[in-house]
All heavy atoms as atom14 arrays in JSON, in Angstrom:
{
  "sequence": "SLSYEKLVLEAGISLMDVIAKLTVNPAHVYN",
  "atom14_mask": [
    [1, 1, 1, 1, 1, 1, 0, 0, 0, 0, 0, 0, 0, 0],
    [1, 1, 1, 1, 1, 1, 1, 1, 0, 0, 0, 0, 0, 0],
    [1, 1, 1, 1, 1, 1, 0, 0, 0, 0, 0, 0, 0, 0],
    [1, 1, 1, 1, 1, 1, 1, 1, 1, 1, 1, 1, 0, 0],
    [1, 1, 1, 1, 1, 1, 1, 1, 1, 0, 0, 0, 0, 0],
    [1, 1, 1, 1, 1, 1, 1, 1, 1, 0, 0, 0, 0, 0],
    [1, 1, 1, 1, 1, 1, 1, 1, 0, 0, 0, 0, 0, 0],
    [1, 1, 1, 1, 1, 1, 1, 0, 0, 0, 0, 0, 0, 0],
    [1, 1, 1, 1, 1, 1, 1, 1, 0, 0, 0, 0, 0, 0],
    [1, 1, 1, 1, 1, 1, 1, 1, 1, 0, 0, 0, 0, 0],
    [1, 1, 1, 1, 1, 0, 0, 0, 0, 0, 0, 0, 0, 0],
    [1, 1, 1, 1, 0, 0, 0, 0, 0, 0, 0, 0, 0, 0],
    [1, 1, 1, 1, 1, 1, 1, 1, 0, 0, 0, 0, 0, 0],
    [1, 1, 1, 1, 1, 1, 0, 0, 0, 0, 0, 0, 0, 0],
    [1, 1, 1, 1, 1, 1, 1, 1, 0, 0, 0, 0, 0, 0],
    [1, 1, 1, 1, 1, 1, 1, 1, 0, 0, 0, 0, 0, 0],
    [1, 1, 1, 1, 1, 1, 1, 1, 0, 0, 0, 0, 0, 0],
    [1, 1, 1, 1, 1, 1, 1, 0, 0, 0, 0, 0, 0, 0],
    [1, 1, 1, 1, 1, 1, 1, 1, 0, 0, 0, 0, 0, 0],
    [1, 1, 1, 1, 1, 0, 0, 0, 0, 0, 0, 0, 0, 0],
    [1, 1, 1, 1, 1, 1, 1, 1, 1, 0, 0, 0, 0, 0],
    [1, 1, 1, 1, 1, 1, 1, 1, 0, 0, 0, 0, 0, 0],
    [1, 1, 1, 1, 1, 1, 1, 0, 0, 0, 0, 0, 0, 0],
    [1, 1, 1, 1, 1, 1, 1, 0, 0, 0, 0, 0, 0, 0],
    [1, 1, 1, 1, 1, 1, 1, 1, 0, 0, 0, 0, 0, 0],
    [1, 1, 1, 1, 1, 1, 1, 0, 0, 0, 0, 0, 0, 0],
    [1, 1, 1, 1, 1, 0, 0, 0, 0, 0, 0, 0, 0, 0],
    [1, 1, 1, 1, 1, 1, 1, 1, 1, 1, 0, 0, 0, 0],
    [1, 1, 1, 1, 1, 1, 1, 0, 0, 0, 0, 0, 0, 0],
    [1, 1, 1, 1, 1, 1, 1, 1, 1, 1, 1, 1, 0, 0],
    [1, 1, 1, 1, 1, 1, 1, 1, 0, 0, 0, 0, 0, 0]
  ],
  "atom14_positions": [
    [[7.23, 7.12, 0.3], [7.59, 7.71, -0.97], [7.9, 6.61, -1.99], [7.46, 6.69, -3.17], [8.81, 8.61, -0.81], [8.52, 9.74, -0.01], [0.0, 0.0, 0.0], [0.0, 0.0, 0.0], [0.0, 0.0, 0.0], [0.0, 0.0, 0.0], [0.0, 0.0, 0.0], [0.0, 0.0, 0.0], [0.0, 0.0, 0.0], [0.0, 0.0, 0.0]],
    [[8.64, 5.58, -1.58], [8.94, 4.51, -2.53], [7.71, 3.72, -2.91], [7.56, 3.33, -4.06], [9.99, 3.59, -1.88], [11.41, 4.17, -1.73], [12.27, 3.25, -0.84], [12.05, 4.41, -3.06], [0.0, 0.0, 0.0], [0.0, 0.0, 0.0], [0.0, 0.0, 0.0], [0.0, 0.0, 0.0], [0.0, 0.0, 0.0], [0.0, 0.0, 0.0]],
    [[6.81, 3.47, -1.95], [5.58, 2.78, -2.25], [4.75, 3.56, -3.25], [4.2, 2.96, -4.21], [4.78, 2.52, -0.97], [5.49, 1.73, -0.06], [0.0, 0.0, 0.0], [0.0, 0.0, 0.0], [0.0, 0.0, 0.0], [0.0, 0.0, 0.0], [0.0, 0.0, 0.0], [0.0, 0.0, 0.0], [0.0, 0.0, 0.0], [0.0, 0.0, 0.0]],
    [[4.67, 4.84, -3.09], [3.9, 5.68, -4.01], [4.55, 5.68, -5.38], [3.87, 5.48, -6.42], [3.8, 7.09, -3.45], [2.99, 8.01, -4.32], [1.61, 7.85, -4.45], [3.6, 9.04, -5.02], [0.83, 8.68, -5.26], [2.86, 9.88, -5.83], [1.49, 9.7, -5.94], [0.76, 10.51, -6.75], [0.0, 0.0, 0.0], [0.0, 0.0, 0.0]],
    [[5.85, 5.86, -5.41], [6.56, 6.0, -6.69], [6.59, 4.68, -7.45], [6.24, 4.62, -8.65], [8.01, 6.49, -6.41], [8.86, 6.61, -7.68], [10.28, 7.02, -7.36], [10.5, 7.7, -6.35], [11.16, 6.68, -8.14], [0.0, 0.0, 0.0], [0.0, 0.0, 0.0], [0.0, 0.0, 0.0], [0.0, 0.0, 0.0], [0.0, 0.0, 0.0]],
    [[7.03, 3.61, -6.78], [7.23, 2.34, -7.47], [5.96, 1.55, -7.72], [5.86, 0.84, -8.75], [8.22, 1.5, -6.68], [9.64, 2.1, -6.59], [10.29, 2.16, -7.94], [11.7, 2.74, -7.9], [12.31, 2.82, -9.24], [0.0, 0.0, 0.0], [0.0, 0.0, 0.0], [0.0, 0.0, 0.0], [0.0, 0.0, 0.0], [0.0, 0.0, 0.0]],
    [[5.02, 1.62, -6.8], [3.82, 0.8, -6.91], [2.64, 1.52, -7.52], [1.97, 0.96, -8.39], [3.42, 0.25, -5.51], [4.49, -0.58, -4.82], [3.97, -1.04, -3.45], [4.93, -1.77, -5.65], [0.0, 0.0, 0.0], [0.0, 0.0, 0.0], [0.0, 0.0, 0.0], [0.0, 0.0, 0.0], [0.0, 0.0, 0.0], [0.0, 0.0, 0.0]],
    [[2.43, 2.76, -7.12], [1.29, 3.51, -7.65], [1.6, 4.16, -8.99], [0.92, 3.86, -10.0], [0.81, 4.59, -6.63], [-0.33, 5.4, -7.23], [0.42, 3.97, -5.31], [0.0, 0.0, 0.0], [0.0, 0.0, 0.0], [0.0, 0.0, 0.0], [0.0, 0.0, 0.0], [0.0, 0.0, 0.0], [0.0, 0.0, 0.0], [0.0, 0.0, 0.0]],
    [[2.67, 4.97, -9.06], [2.97, 5.68, -10.27], [3.54, 4.78, -11.36], [3.14, 4.83, -12.53], [3.96, 6.81, -9.97], [3.46, 7.91, -9.04], [4.5, 8.98, -8.91], [2.13, 8.52, -9.55], [0.0, 0.0, 0.0], [0.0, 0.0, 0.0], [0.0, 0.0, 0.0], [0.0, 0.0, 0.0], [0.0, 0.0, 0.0], [0.0, 0.0, 0.0]],
    [[4.47, 3.9, -11.01], [5.14, 3.09, -12.01], [4.36, 1.8, -12.34], [4.21, 1.43, -13.51], [6.57, 2.78, -11.61], [7.48, 3.97, -11.55], [8.93, 3.62, -11.22], [9.28, 2.42, -11.28], [9.71, 4.56, -10.93], [0.0, 0.0, 0.0], [0.0, 0.0, 0.0], [0.0, 0.0, 0.0], [0.0, 0.0, 0.0], [0.0, 0.0, 0.0]],
    [[3.91, 1.09, -11.31], [3.26, -0.23, -11.52], [1.77, -0.09, -11.73], [1.14, -1.05, -12.18], [3.56, -1.16, -10.35], [0.0, 0.0, 0.0], [0.0, 0.0, 0.0], [0.0, 0.0, 0.0], [0.0, 0.0, 0.0], [0.0, 0.0, 0.0], [0.0, 0.0, 0.0], [0.0, 0.0, 0.0], [0.0, 0.0, 0.0], [0.0, 0.0, 0.0]],
    [[1.2, 1.03, -11.39], [-0.25, 1.25, -11.61], [-1.14, 0.5, -10.64], [-2.32, 0.31, -10.91], [0.0, 0.0, 0.0], [0.0, 0.0, 0.0], [0.0, 0.0, 0.0], [0.0, 0.0, 0.0], [0.0, 0.0, 0.0], [0.0, 0.0, 0.0], [0.0, 0.0, 0.0], [0.0, 0.0, 0.0], [0.0, 0.0, 0.0], [0.0, 0.0, 0.0]],
    [[-0.61, 0.12, -9.48], [-1.47, -0.47, -8.44], [-2.28, 0.66, -7.79], [-1.79, 1.77, -7.62], [-0.6, -1.19, -7.4], [0.21, -2.31, -8.07], [-1.47, -1.82, -6.28], [1.21, -2.99, -7.11], [0.0, 0.0, 0.0], [0.0, 0.0, 0.0], [0.0, 0.0, 0.0], [0.0, 0.0, 0.0], [0.0, 0.0, 0.0], [0.0, 0.0, 0.0]],
    [[-3.51, 0.39, -7.46], [-4.36, 1.44, -6.88], [-3.77, 1.94, -5.59], [-3.25, 1.17, -4.78], [-5.79, 0.96, -6.69], [-5.89, 0.13, -5.54], [0.0, 0.0, 0.0], [0.0, 0.0, 0.0], [0.0, 0.0, 0.0], [0.0, 0.0, 0.0], [0.0, 0.0, 0.0], [0.0, 0.0, 0.0], [0.0, 0.0, 0.0], [0.0, 0.0, 0.0]],
    [[-3.93, 3.25, -5.37], [-3.46, 3.84, -4.11], [-4.16, 3.22, -2.93], [-3.53, 2.95, -1.89], [-3.71, 5.33, -4.15], [-3.25, 6.12, -2.9], [-1.75, 6.06, -2.72], [-3.73, 7.58, -3.0], [0.0, 0.0, 0.0], [0.0, 0.0, 0.0], [0.0, 0.0, 0.0], [0.0, 0.0, 0.0], [0.0, 0.0, 0.0], [0.0, 0.0, 0.0]],
    [[-5.44, 2.91, -3.06], [-6.18, 2.28, -1.95], [-5.54, 0.96, -1.55], [-5.36, 0.69, -0.37], [-7.62, 2.06, -2.39], [-8.54, 1.52, -1.28], [-8.94, 2.72, -0.01], [-10.09, 3.8, -0.9], [0.0, 0.0, 0.0], [0.0, 0.0, 0.0], [0.0, 0.0, 0.0], [0.0, 0.0, 0.0], [0.0, 0.0, 0.0], [0.0, 0.0, 0.0]],
    [[-5.17, 0.12, -2.55], [-4.6, -1.18, -2.23], [-3.21, -1.03, -1.57], [-2.85, -1.79, -0.67], [-4.46, -2.0, -3.5], [-5.78, -2.57, -3.96], [-6.76, -2.5, -3.2], [-5.86, -3.1, -5.1], [0.0, 0.0, 0.0], [0.0, 0.0, 0.0], [0.0, 0.0, 0.0], [0.0, 0.0, 0.0], [0.0, 0.0, 0.0], [0.0, 0.0, 0.0]],
    [[-2.42, -0.07, -2.06], [-1.08, 0.13, -1.49], [-1.21, 0.6, -0.04], [-0.51, 0.13, 0.85], [-0.29, 1.15, -2.34], [1.02, 1.52, -1.65], [0.03, 0.53, -3.72], [0.0, 0.0, 0.0], [0.0, 0.0, 0.0], [0.0, 0.0, 0.0], [0.0, 0.0, 0.0], [0.0, 0.0, 0.0], [0.0, 0.0, 0.0], [0.0, 0.0, 0.0]],
    [[-2.08, 1.59, 0.2], [-2.23, 2.1, 1.57], [-2.79, 1.03, 2.51], [-2.43, 0.98, 3.69], [-3.08, 3.38, 1.57], [-2.39, 4.48, 0.75], [-3.33, 3.88, 3.01], [-0.98, 4.79, 1.18], [0.0, 0.0, 0.0], [0.0, 0.0, 0.0], [0.0, 0.0, 0.0], [0.0, 0.0, 0.0], [0.0, 0.0, 0.0], [0.0, 0.0, 0.0]],
    [[-3.64, 0.15, 2.01], [-4.14, -0.95, 2.85], [-2.99, -1.8, 3.36], [-2.99, -2.21, 4.54], [-5.12, -1.83, 2.01], [0.0, 0.0, 0.0], [0.0, 0.0, 0.0], [0.0, 0.0, 0.0], [0.0, 0.0, 0.0], [0.0, 0.0, 0.0], [0.0, 0.0, 0.0], [0.0, 0.0, 0.0], [0.0, 0.0, 0.0], [0.0, 0.0, 0.0]],
    [[-2.0, -2.02, 2.52], [-0.84, -2.87, 2.89], [0.07, -2.15, 3.87], [0.92, -2.79, 4.51], [-0.09, -3.27, 1.64], [-0.87, -4.23, 0.75], [-0.24, -4.45, -0.59], [-0.96, -5.53, -1.39], [-2.37, -5.19, -1.7], [0.0, 0.0, 0.0], [0.0, 0.0, 0.0], [0.0, 0.0, 0.0], [0.0, 0.0, 0.0], [0.0, 0.0, 0.0]],
    [[-0.1, -0.84, 4.02], [0.69, -0.04, 4.94], [-0.05, 0.28, 6.21], [0.5, 0.89, 7.11], [1.15, 1.25, 4.27], [2.25, 1.14, 3.2], [2.2, 2.34, 2.27], [3.62, 1.0, 3.85], [0.0, 0.0, 0.0], [0.0, 0.0, 0.0], [0.0, 0.0, 0.0], [0.0, 0.0, 0.0], [0.0, 0.0, 0.0], [0.0, 0.0, 0.0]],
    [[-1.36, -0.05, 6.27], [-2.17, 0.38, 7.41], [-3.03, -0.74, 7.98], [-2.65, -1.44, 8.89], [-3.04, 1.62, 6.99], [-3.85, 1.24, 5.86], [-2.18, 2.78, 6.62], [0.0, 0.0, 0.0], [0.0, 0.0, 0.0], [0.0, 0.0, 0.0], [0.0, 0.0, 0.0], [0.0, 0.0, 0.0], [0.0, 0.0, 0.0], [0.0, 0.0, 0.0]],
    [[-4.21, -0.88, 7.41], [-5.21, -1.79, 7.99], [-4.8, -3.25, 7.92], [-5.11, -4.03, 8.84], [-6.6, -1.57, 7.33], [-6.59, -2.01, 5.84], [-7.72, -2.28, 8.09], [0.0, 0.0, 0.0], [0.0, 0.0, 0.0], [0.0, 0.0, 0.0], [0.0, 0.0, 0.0], [0.0, 0.0, 0.0], [0.0, 0.0, 0.0], [0.0, 0.0, 0.0]],
    [[-4.06, -3.67, 6.89], [-3.66, -5.08, 6.79], [-2.71, -5.48, 7.91], [-2.94, -6.47, 8.61], [-3.04, -5.38, 5.43], [-4.08, -5.38, 4.31], [-5.23, -5.06, 4.53], [-3.68, -5.71, 3.09], [0.0, 0.0, 0.0], [0.0, 0.0, 0.0], [0.0, 0.0, 0.0], [0.0, 0.0, 0.0], [0.0, 0.0, 0.0], [0.0, 0.0, 0.0]],
    [[-1.56, -4.77, 8.1], [-0.7, -5.15, 9.22], [-1.41, -5.01, 10.57], [-1.16, -5.8, 11.49], [0.5, -4.2, 9.1], [0.07, -3.1, 8.21], [-0.96, -3.69, 7.31], [0.0, 0.0, 0.0], [0.0, 0.0, 0.0], [0.0, 0.0, 0.0], [0.0, 0.0, 0.0], [0.0, 0.0, 0.0], [0.0, 0.0, 0.0], [0.0, 0.0, 0.0]],
    [[-2.29, -4.0, 10.71], [-3.01, -3.88, 11.97], [-3.89, -5.11, 12.23], [-4.01, -5.58, 13.34], [-3.87, -2.61, 11.93], [0.0, 0.0, 0.0], [0.0, 0.0, 0.0], [0.0, 0.0, 0.0], [0.0, 0.0, 0.0], [0.0, 0.0, 0.0], [0.0, 0.0, 0.0], [0.0, 0.0, 0.0], [0.0, 0.0, 0.0], [0.0, 0.0, 0.0]],
    [[-4.49, -5.61, 11.18], [-5.35, -6.8, 11.28], [-4.53, -8.02, 11.67], [-4.92, -8.79, 12.59], [-6.07, -7.05, 9.97], [-6.8, -8.36, 9.92], [-7.94, -8.61, 10.65], [-6.53, -9.51, 9.27], [-8.35, -9.85, 10.41], [-7.5, -10.42, 9.59], [0.0, 0.0, 0.0], [0.0, 0.0, 0.0], [0.0, 0.0, 0.0], [0.0, 0.0, 0.0]],
    [[-3.41, -8.25, 11.02], [-2.59, -9.44, 11.27], [-2.12, -9.46, 12.71], [-2.1, -10.51, 13.39], [-1.42, -9.52, 10.29], [-0.45, -10.65, 10.69], [-1.9, -9.73, 8.88], [0.0, 0.0, 0.0], [0.0, 0.0, 0.0], [0.0, 0.0, 0.0], [0.0, 0.0, 0.0], [0.0, 0.0, 0.0], [0.0, 0.0, 0.0], [0.0, 0.0, 0.0]],
    [[-1.73, -8.27, 13.23], [-1.16, -8.2, 14.58], [-2.16, -7.71, 15.61], [-1.8, -7.37, 16.74], [0.09, -7.32, 14.56], [1.26, -8.04, 13.92], [1.45, -8.0, 12.55], [2.12, -8.82, 14.68], [2.48, -8.74, 11.95], [3.15, -9.52, 14.11], [3.31, -9.5, 12.74], [4.33, -10.2, 12.16], [0.0, 0.0, 0.0], [0.0, 0.0, 0.0]],
    [[-3.46, -7.71, 15.23], [-4.52, -7.42, 16.21], [-4.36, -6.06, 16.9], [-4.55, -5.93, 18.1], [-4.64, -8.54, 17.26], [-4.8, -9.9, 16.66], [-5.77, -10.18, 15.96], [-3.83, -10.79, 16.9], [0.0, 0.0, 0.0], [0.0, 0.0, 0.0], [0.0, 0.0, 0.0], [0.0, 0.0, 0.0], [0.0, 0.0, 0.0], [0.0, 0.0, 0.0]]
  ]
}
């Protein structure tokens, strides 16, 4: 909820980029 509110709605970062940081990126770093 905070990621959506603060980063997507307020900061205008794309939803795709925000969700990447919550899903595929950490999965990649930790294999």
